C-alpha atoms as a PDB file:
ATOM      1  CA  MET A   1     -31.273   4.868  26.647  1.00  0.00           C
ATOM      2  CA  LYS A   2     -29.759   8.357  26.494  1.00  0.00           C
ATOM      3  CA  SER A   3     -28.061   9.531  23.286  1.00  0.00           C
ATOM      4  CA  ILE A   4     -24.386  10.531  23.171  1.00  0.00           C
ATOM      5  CA  GLU A   5     -25.450  14.166  22.720  1.00  0.00           C
ATOM      6  CA  GLU A   6     -27.562  13.929  25.891  1.00  0.00           C
ATOM      7  CA  ILE A   7     -24.811  12.422  28.028  1.00  0.00           C
ATOM      8  CA  LYS A   8     -21.902  14.607  26.833  1.00  0.00           C
ATOM      9  CA  PRO A   9     -22.907  17.628  28.955  1.00  0.00           C
ATOM     10  CA  ILE A  10     -23.597  15.343  31.917  1.00  0.00           C
ATOM     11  CA  ILE A  11     -20.149  13.752  31.655  1.00  0.00           C
ATOM     12  CA  GLU A  12     -18.537  17.141  31.144  1.00  0.00           C
ATOM     13  CA  SER A  13     -20.184  18.523  34.276  1.00  0.00           C
ATOM     14  CA  LEU A  14     -19.212  15.468  36.346  1.00  0.00           C
ATOM     15  CA  ILE A  15     -15.577  15.631  35.247  1.00  0.00           C
ATOM     16  CA  PHE A  16     -15.529  19.383  35.878  1.00  0.00           C
ATOM     17  CA  ALA A  17     -17.089  19.108  39.344  1.00  0.00           C
ATOM     18  CA  ALA A  18     -15.047  16.124  40.557  1.00  0.00           C
ATOM     19  CA  GLU A  19     -12.246  17.079  42.944  1.00  0.00           C
ATOM     20  CA  GLU A  20     -10.187  14.096  41.813  1.00  0.00           C
ATOM     21  CA  PRO A  21     -10.124  11.969  38.659  1.00  0.00           C
ATOM     22  CA  ILE A  22     -13.529  10.356  38.154  1.00  0.00           C
ATOM     23  CA  THR A  23     -13.482   6.741  37.010  1.00  0.00           C
ATOM     24  CA  LEU A  24     -15.375   5.253  34.090  1.00  0.00           C
ATOM     25  CA  ARG A  25     -17.228   3.002  36.530  1.00  0.00           C
ATOM     26  CA  LYS A  26     -18.360   5.985  38.603  1.00  0.00           C
ATOM     27  CA  LEU A  27     -19.542   7.854  35.486  1.00  0.00           C
ATOM     28  CA  VAL A  28     -21.580   4.821  34.408  1.00  0.00           C
ATOM     29  CA  ASP A  29     -23.038   4.402  37.923  1.00  0.00           C
ATOM     30  CA  ILE A  30     -24.026   8.060  38.250  1.00  0.00           C
ATOM     31  CA  ILE A  31     -25.521   8.432  34.783  1.00  0.00           C
ATOM     32  CA  GLY A  32     -27.305   5.072  34.901  1.00  0.00           C
ATOM     33  CA  ASP A  33     -28.984   3.274  31.993  1.00  0.00           C
ATOM     34  CA  ILE A  34     -25.793   3.424  29.917  1.00  0.00           C
ATOM     35  CA  ASP A  35     -22.876   1.125  29.186  1.00  0.00           C
ATOM     36  CA  SER A  36     -19.200   2.003  29.493  1.00  0.00           C
ATOM     37  CA  ALA A  37     -18.655   1.935  25.707  1.00  0.00           C
ATOM     38  CA  ARG A  38     -21.096   4.838  25.254  1.00  0.00           C
ATOM     39  CA  VAL A  39     -19.429   6.803  28.053  1.00  0.00           C
ATOM     40  CA  LEU A  40     -16.027   6.226  26.420  1.00  0.00           C
ATOM     41  CA  GLU A  41     -17.460   7.387  23.082  1.00  0.00           C
ATOM     42  CA  ALA A  42     -18.857  10.527  24.717  1.00  0.00           C
ATOM     43  CA  VAL A  43     -15.498  11.280  26.404  1.00  0.00           C
ATOM     44  CA  ALA A  44     -13.714  10.836  23.048  1.00  0.00           C
ATOM     45  CA  GLN A  45     -16.200  13.213  21.410  1.00  0.00           C
ATOM     46  CA  LEU A  46     -15.714  15.776  24.192  1.00  0.00           C
ATOM     47  CA  LYS A  47     -11.933  15.586  23.706  1.00  0.00           C
ATOM     48  CA  ASN A  48     -12.406  16.099  19.975  1.00  0.00           C
ATOM     49  CA  ASP A  49     -14.846  18.987  20.569  1.00  0.00           C
ATOM     50  CA  TYR A  50     -12.311  20.753  22.800  1.00  0.00           C
ATOM     51  CA  ASP A  51      -9.567  20.352  20.178  1.00  0.00           C
ATOM     52  CA  THR A  52     -11.668  21.553  17.243  1.00  0.00           C
ATOM     53  CA  GLN A  53     -13.066  24.487  19.235  1.00  0.00           C
ATOM     54  CA  GLY A  54      -9.579  25.569  20.339  1.00  0.00           C
ATOM     55  CA  ARG A  55     -10.414  25.343  24.064  1.00  0.00           C
ATOM     56  CA  SER A  56      -7.757  26.106  26.664  1.00  0.00           C
ATOM     57  CA  PHE A  57      -8.448  22.863  28.503  1.00  0.00           C
ATOM     58  CA  GLN A  58      -8.562  19.146  27.762  1.00  0.00           C
ATOM     59  CA  ILE A  59      -9.733  15.906  29.343  1.00  0.00           C
ATOM     60  CA  GLU A  60      -6.865  13.679  30.472  1.00  0.00           C
ATOM     61  CA  GLU A  61      -6.969  10.131  31.749  1.00  0.00           C
ATOM     62  CA  ILE A  62      -4.914  10.012  34.932  1.00  0.00           C
ATOM     63  CA  ALA A  63      -4.767   7.834  38.038  1.00  0.00           C
ATOM     64  CA  GLY A  64      -7.510   5.545  36.719  1.00  0.00           C
ATOM     65  CA  GLY A  65     -10.007   8.311  35.954  1.00  0.00           C
ATOM     66  CA  TYR A  66     -10.745  11.437  33.934  1.00  0.00           C
ATOM     67  CA  GLN A  67      -9.922  15.014  34.853  1.00  0.00           C
ATOM     68  CA  LEU A  68      -9.951  18.420  33.151  1.00  0.00           C
ATOM     69  CA  PHE A  69      -6.591  20.123  32.721  1.00  0.00           C
ATOM     70  CA  THR A  70      -5.466  23.411  31.274  1.00  0.00           C
ATOM     71  CA  LYS A  71      -3.351  22.903  28.152  1.00  0.00           C
ATOM     72  CA  PRO A  72       0.427  23.217  28.677  1.00  0.00           C
ATOM     73  CA  GLU A  73       0.710  26.349  26.533  1.00  0.00           C
ATOM     74  CA  TYR A  74      -1.199  28.245  29.262  1.00  0.00           C
ATOM     75  CA  TYR A  75       1.160  27.173  32.038  1.00  0.00           C
ATOM     76  CA  GLU A  76       2.779  30.608  32.285  1.00  0.00           C
ATOM     77  CA  TRP A  77      -0.493  32.261  33.324  1.00  0.00           C
ATOM     78  CA  ILE A  78      -1.568  29.422  35.598  1.00  0.00           C
ATOM     79  CA  ALA A  79       1.824  29.605  37.331  1.00  0.00           C
ATOM     80  CA  GLN A  80       1.260  33.298  38.038  1.00  0.00           C
ATOM     81  CA  LEU A  81      -2.163  32.529  39.495  1.00  0.00           C
ATOM     82  CA  ARG A  82      -0.764  29.799  41.733  1.00  0.00           C
ATOM     83  CA  LYS A  83       2.129  31.968  42.859  1.00  0.00           C
ATOM     84  CA  LYS A  84      -0.332  34.636  43.931  1.00  0.00           C
ATOM     85  CA  SER A  85      -2.576  32.134  45.681  1.00  0.00           C
ATOM     86  CA  GLY A  86       0.378  30.782  47.694  1.00  0.00           C
ATOM     87  CA  GLU A  87       0.243  27.140  46.601  1.00  0.00           C
ATOM     88  CA  THR A  88       3.106  25.300  48.254  1.00  0.00           C
ATOM     89  CA  LYS A  89       5.801  23.745  46.140  1.00  0.00           C
ATOM     90  CA  LEU A  90       8.018  20.779  46.868  1.00  0.00           C
ATOM     91  CA  SER A  91      11.649  21.459  47.752  1.00  0.00           C
ATOM     92  CA  GLN A  92      14.478  20.031  45.664  1.00  0.00           C
ATOM     93  CA  ALA A  93      15.168  17.472  48.413  1.00  0.00           C
ATOM     94  CA  ALA A  94      11.500  16.443  48.508  1.00  0.00           C
ATOM     95  CA  LEU A  95      11.387  16.079  44.714  1.00  0.00           C
ATOM     96  CA  GLU A  96      14.594  14.038  44.763  1.00  0.00           C
ATOM     97  CA  THR A  97      13.226  11.758  47.479  1.00  0.00           C
ATOM     98  CA  LEU A  98       9.900  11.417  45.691  1.00  0.00           C
ATOM     99  CA  ALA A  99      11.627  10.525  42.407  1.00  0.00           C
ATOM    100  CA  ILE A 100      13.672   7.789  44.078  1.00  0.00           C
ATOM    101  CA  ILE A 101      10.568   6.343  45.742  1.00  0.00           C
ATOM    102  CA  ALA A 102       8.604   6.506  42.460  1.00  0.00           C
ATOM    103  CA  TYR A 103      11.267   4.656  40.460  1.00  0.00           C
ATOM    104  CA  LYS A 104      12.417   2.167  43.109  1.00  0.00           C
ATOM    105  CA  GLN A 105       9.143   1.367  44.914  1.00  0.00           C
ATOM    106  CA  PRO A 106       8.578  -0.474  47.071  1.00  0.00           C
ATOM    107  CA  ILE A 107      11.675   0.850  48.808  1.00  0.00           C
ATOM    108  CA  LEU A 108      13.083   0.729  52.327  1.00  0.00           C
ATOM    109  CA  ARG A 109      14.016   3.992  54.014  1.00  0.00           C
ATOM    110  CA  ALA A 110      17.561   2.646  54.479  1.00  0.00           C
ATOM    111  CA  ASP A 111      17.886   2.013  50.722  1.00  0.00           C
ATOM    112  CA  LEU A 112      16.502   5.473  49.961  1.00  0.00           C
ATOM    113  CA  GLU A 113      18.979   7.071  52.366  1.00  0.00           C
ATOM    114  CA  SER A 114      21.804   5.016  50.856  1.00  0.00           C
ATOM    115  CA  ILE A 115      20.969   6.412  47.402  1.00  0.00           C
ATOM    116  CA  ARG A 116      20.548  10.008  48.616  1.00  0.00           C
ATOM    117  CA  GLY A 117      23.465   9.894  51.051  1.00  0.00           C
ATOM    118  CA  VAL A 118      21.491  11.731  53.749  1.00  0.00           C
ATOM    119  CA  GLN A 119      18.783  10.954  56.271  1.00  0.00           C
ATOM    120  CA  SER A 120      15.314  11.247  54.788  1.00  0.00           C
ATOM    121  CA  GLY A 121      12.886  10.615  57.646  1.00  0.00           C
ATOM    122  CA  GLN A 122      11.521  14.168  57.795  1.00  0.00           C
ATOM    123  CA  ILE A 123      11.092  14.403  54.040  1.00  0.00           C
ATOM    124  CA  ILE A 124       9.260  11.056  53.939  1.00  0.00           C
ATOM    125  CA  ARG A 125       6.927  12.337  56.681  1.00  0.00           C
ATOM    126  CA  LEU A 126       6.322  15.550  54.710  1.00  0.00           C
ATOM    127  CA  LEU A 127       5.548  13.565  51.549  1.00  0.00           C
ATOM    128  CA  MET A 128       3.197  11.346  53.548  1.00  0.00           C
ATOM    129  CA  GLU A 129       1.429  14.433  54.962  1.00  0.00           C
ATOM    130  CA  LYS A 130       0.956  15.684  51.398  1.00  0.00           C
ATOM    131  CA  ASP A 131      -0.435  12.214  50.513  1.00  0.00           C
ATOM    132  CA  LEU A 132       2.208  11.656  47.834  1.00  0.00           C
ATOM    133  CA  VAL A 133       3.878   8.704  49.595  1.00  0.00           C
ATOM    134  CA  LYS A 134       2.465   5.896  51.735  1.00  0.00           C
ATOM    135  CA  VAL A 135       3.557   2.756  53.539  1.00  0.00           C
ATOM    136  CA  VAL A 136       2.939  -0.107  51.116  1.00  0.00           C
ATOM    137  CA  GLY A 137       4.044  -2.989  53.325  1.00  0.00           C
ATOM    138  CA  ARG A 138       6.849  -4.412  55.405  1.00  0.00           C
ATOM    139  CA  ASP A 139      10.057  -6.048  54.290  1.00  0.00           C
ATOM    140  CA  GLU A 140      10.789  -9.629  55.321  1.00  0.00           C
ATOM    141  CA  SER A 141      14.238  -8.698  56.644  1.00  0.00           C
ATOM    142  CA  LEU A 142      15.194  -8.380  60.313  1.00  0.00           C
ATOM    143  CA  GLY A 143      12.895  -5.974  62.144  1.00  0.00           C
ATOM    144  CA  HIS A 144      10.408  -5.942  59.251  1.00  0.00           C
ATOM    145  CA  PRO A 145      11.125  -2.332  58.202  1.00  0.00           C
ATOM    146  CA  LEU A 146       8.497  -0.316  56.340  1.00  0.00           C
ATOM    147  CA  LEU A 147       8.359  -0.207  52.561  1.00  0.00           C
ATOM    148  CA  TYR A 148       7.342   3.042  50.869  1.00  0.00           C
ATOM    149  CA  GLY A 149       5.605   3.721  47.583  1.00  0.00           C
ATOM    150  CA  THR A 150       3.676   6.460  45.830  1.00  0.00           C
ATOM    151  CA  THR A 151      -0.056   7.161  46.108  1.00  0.00           C
ATOM    152  CA  LYS A 152      -2.894   7.873  43.707  1.00  0.00           C
ATOM    153  CA  ARG A 153      -2.459  11.532  44.720  1.00  0.00           C
ATOM    154  CA  PHE A 154       1.119  11.331  43.362  1.00  0.00           C
ATOM    155  CA  LEU A 155      -0.273  10.379  39.944  1.00  0.00           C
ATOM    156  CA  GLU A 156      -2.779  13.246  40.118  1.00  0.00           C
ATOM    157  CA  TYR A 157      -0.137  15.760  41.265  1.00  0.00           C
ATOM    158  CA  PHE A 158       2.106  14.978  38.299  1.00  0.00           C
ATOM    159  CA  GLY A 159      -0.714  14.333  35.804  1.00  0.00           C
ATOM    160  CA  LEU A 160       0.172  10.693  35.192  1.00  0.00           C
ATOM    161  CA  LYS A 161      -2.226   7.950  34.101  1.00  0.00           C
ATOM    162  CA  ASP A 162      -0.094   5.341  35.885  1.00  0.00           C
ATOM    163  CA  LEU A 163       3.531   4.721  36.856  1.00  0.00           C
ATOM    164  CA  LYS A 164       4.352   3.489  33.342  1.00  0.00           C
ATOM    165  CA  ASP A 165       3.996   7.132  32.237  1.00  0.00           C
ATOM    166  CA  LEU A 166       7.101   8.112  34.228  1.00  0.00           C
ATOM    167  CA  PRO A 167       9.977   8.997  31.877  1.00  0.00           C
ATOM    168  CA  ASN A 168      12.548   6.226  31.365  1.00  0.00           C
ATOM    169  CA  ILE A 169      15.608   6.768  33.517  1.00  0.00           C
ATOM    170  CA  GLU A 170      17.752   6.820  30.341  1.00  0.00           C
ATOM    171  CA  GLU A 171      15.727   9.817  29.090  1.00  0.00           C
ATOM    172  CA  LEU A 172      16.543  11.726  32.277  1.00  0.00           C
ATOM    173  CA  GLU A 173      20.325  11.274  32.195  1.00  0.00           C
ATOM    174  CA  ALA A 174      22.377  14.299  31.186  1.00  0.00           C
ATOM    175  CA  PRO A 175      24.092  14.054  27.757  1.00  0.00           C
END
């Protein structure tokens, strides 16, 4: 069986190379001949190493897996990089729609539009194209309209482990 010191660089490279959060199960499967407790111990040690070494990045657990992120204090420089690379941002209307879906899911389009006060079909399509929203089922009411919810990509986009990490609505209200 491999030692923690042997698997730390392997785990680090897998997390670094993964395009999306890599799950504990996948780490165990790829490394082989190791149990999940040892992988968790190695991840904890890597997190500690990054903190004690003053690294500009950290391992975060989001959307059911692990991913490397730049620390928030470096946001200013990362924002400049993204602005120059032309990364698209969500409009205020898209963010508003996404927030309603995130907090009220599963939600009917009619209920969403009732809350927003405007039609939202195009914005829902845009959010679906960006893989932030998906159809999660059908309502039992007349016509069986579609129900919408957020995706795993939504969690990744906002750096959330799961939906419980969303701020409480009371925290968001203006004083």
